[in-house]
Amino acid sequence: RTLLKLKNKNKKLKPNKYKKLKRDSLRGSVKGTLERPRLSVYRSNENIYAQIIDDTTSTTLVSCSTLDRDIKLDTTNGRTCEASRRMGEKLAALSLKKNITKIVFDRGPYIYHGRIKALADGARAGGLQF
């Protein structure tokens, strides 16, 4: 609600400030615990990064990106949906080794579309439940 009010009232809200408000409004409803940690996603123009976080102790349990060696060798660049899907599958394999099966998906300020959706589909195909 606060985000919508600010958007309508102040037309000249800077993009980074708007992105931070959007992320914080979502983060209020998404929390990771030890039983269901949070899968946080960061997307840049060239690559995509994901990590599984336990918010109770503020520790990263598993992390992965398109810059990892085996993903980088398979794909030509890190900004494709195919690279994101493979990264999701690798993240699922790494998390299953640490006995993490159920997670909470935190898309951050990004729309659930394109590379973000491909990463989530790859993680589901790898065996994660969310």
Protein backbone atom coordinates (compact mmCIF):
# COMPACT_ATOMS: atom_id res chain seq x y z
CA ARG A 1 0.00 0.00 0.00
CA THR A 2 2.75 2.45 0.90
CA LEU A 3 4.46 1.72 -2.39
CA LEU A 4 1.34 2.54 -4.42
CA LYS A 5 0.72 5.74 -2.49
CA LEU A 6 4.27 6.91 -3.05
CA LYS A 7 4.14 6.05 -6.74
CA ASN A 8 0.95 8.05 -7.31
CA LYS A 9 1.89 11.00 -5.11
CA ASN A 10 5.47 11.50 -6.19
CA LYS A 11 5.94 11.18 -9.93
CA LYS A 12 9.69 11.87 -9.76
CA LEU A 13 10.68 8.92 -7.59
CA LYS A 14 14.16 7.75 -8.59
CA PRO A 15 14.35 4.22 -10.08
CA ASN A 16 16.70 2.85 -7.41
CA LYS A 17 14.50 4.21 -4.61
CA TYR A 18 11.41 2.71 -6.25
CA LYS A 19 13.18 -0.66 -6.65
CA LYS A 20 14.19 -0.63 -2.97
CA LEU A 21 10.62 0.14 -1.84
CA LYS A 22 9.29 -2.61 -4.08
CA ARG A 23 11.80 -5.15 -2.72
CA ASP A 24 11.12 -4.18 0.90
CA SER A 25 7.36 -4.50 0.47
CA LEU A 26 7.80 -8.06 -0.81
CA ARG A 27 10.47 -8.91 1.78
CA GLY A 28 8.02 -8.16 4.58
CA SER A 29 5.92 -11.17 3.56
CA VAL A 30 8.77 -13.52 2.58
CA LYS A 31 10.92 -14.87 5.41
CA GLY A 32 13.23 -17.86 5.38
CA THR A 33 13.57 -20.29 8.28
CA LEU A 34 15.77 -23.31 8.80
CA GLU A 35 12.94 -25.62 7.67
CA ARG A 36 12.06 -23.44 4.63
CA PRO A 37 14.95 -21.16 3.67
CA ARG A 38 14.57 -18.31 1.21
CA LEU A 39 15.80 -18.50 -2.39
CA SER A 40 16.91 -14.95 -3.20
CA VAL A 41 17.55 -13.92 -6.82
CA TYR A 42 19.63 -11.06 -8.23
CA ARG A 43 19.58 -10.35 -11.95
CA SER A 44 22.10 -8.13 -13.72
CA ASN A 45 22.27 -7.35 -17.43
CA GLU A 46 24.90 -10.02 -18.05
CA ASN A 47 24.38 -12.70 -15.37
CA ILE A 48 21.99 -14.01 -12.74
CA TYR A 49 22.85 -14.93 -9.15
CA ALA A 50 20.86 -16.95 -6.60
CA GLN A 51 21.42 -17.97 -3.01
CA ILE A 52 19.49 -19.91 -0.41
CA ILE A 53 19.40 -17.98 2.87
CA ASP A 54 18.35 -18.82 6.43
CA ASP A 55 16.99 -15.53 7.77
CA THR A 56 16.90 -16.60 11.41
CA THR A 57 20.70 -16.81 11.55
CA SER A 58 21.37 -14.59 8.49
CA THR A 59 23.56 -17.19 6.81
CA THR A 60 23.86 -18.26 3.19
CA LEU A 61 23.42 -22.01 2.89
CA VAL A 62 23.92 -22.49 -0.88
CA SER A 63 24.85 -20.08 -3.66
CA CYS A 64 25.14 -20.35 -7.42
CA SER A 65 25.48 -18.07 -10.45
CA THR A 66 25.88 -18.19 -14.20
CA LEU A 67 29.55 -17.37 -13.63
CA ASP A 68 30.16 -20.86 -12.19
CA ARG A 69 32.57 -22.90 -14.25
CA ASP A 70 30.34 -25.76 -15.44
CA ILE A 71 27.45 -23.44 -16.38
CA LYS A 72 29.76 -20.97 -18.13
CA LEU A 73 31.31 -23.76 -20.23
CA ASP A 74 27.89 -25.03 -21.37
CA THR A 75 26.43 -21.67 -22.43
CA THR A 76 27.73 -18.87 -24.61
CA ASN A 77 26.55 -16.09 -22.28
CA GLY A 78 24.78 -15.77 -18.95
CA ARG A 79 21.83 -13.66 -20.05
CA THR A 80 19.73 -16.40 -21.64
CA CYS A 81 16.80 -18.30 -20.18
CA GLU A 82 18.62 -21.55 -20.92
CA ALA A 83 21.54 -20.51 -18.69
CA SER A 84 19.10 -19.53 -15.93
CA ARG A 85 17.31 -22.88 -16.17
CA ARG A 86 20.60 -24.80 -15.93
CA MET A 87 21.63 -22.69 -12.97
CA GLY A 88 18.33 -23.49 -11.24
CA GLU A 89 18.92 -27.20 -11.75
CA LYS A 90 22.46 -26.93 -10.37
CA LEU A 91 21.21 -24.93 -7.37
CA ALA A 92 18.61 -27.64 -6.69
CA ALA A 93 21.28 -30.35 -6.86
CA LEU A 94 23.54 -28.44 -4.44
CA SER A 95 20.68 -27.84 -2.01
CA LEU A 96 19.54 -31.47 -2.10
CA LYS A 97 23.07 -32.47 -1.05
CA LYS A 98 22.53 -30.33 2.07
CA ASN A 99 19.06 -31.87 2.68
CA ILE A 100 17.13 -28.74 1.67
CA THR A 101 13.96 -29.71 -0.21
CA LYS A 102 11.41 -26.99 0.61
CA ILE A 103 12.14 -23.30 0.05
CA VAL A 104 10.41 -19.92 -0.20
CA PHE A 105 11.01 -18.13 -3.52
CA ASP A 106 12.00 -14.46 -3.21
CA ARG A 107 11.98 -12.84 -6.65
CA GLY A 108 13.02 -9.47 -5.20
CA PRO A 109 11.98 -6.43 -7.26
CA TYR A 110 11.85 -8.45 -10.48
CA ILE A 111 8.75 -9.61 -12.34
CA TYR A 112 8.18 -13.38 -12.43
CA HIS A 113 8.94 -13.60 -16.14
CA GLY A 114 11.80 -14.57 -18.44
CA ARG A 115 15.06 -15.45 -16.69
CA ILE A 116 13.52 -15.37 -13.21
CA LYS A 117 10.80 -17.81 -14.27
CA ALA A 118 13.35 -20.03 -16.04
CA LEU A 119 15.44 -20.21 -12.85
CA ALA A 120 12.37 -21.16 -10.79
CA ASP A 121 11.34 -23.82 -13.33
CA GLY A 122 14.86 -25.27 -13.33
CA ALA A 123 14.88 -25.41 -9.53
CA ARG A 124 11.50 -27.18 -9.55
CA ALA A 125 12.74 -29.63 -12.17
CA GLY A 126 15.80 -30.31 -9.99
CA GLY A 127 13.62 -31.33 -7.05
CA LEU A 128 12.99 -28.21 -4.94
CA GLN A 129 9.45 -27.58 -3.70
CA PHE A 130 7.98 -24.06 -3.47
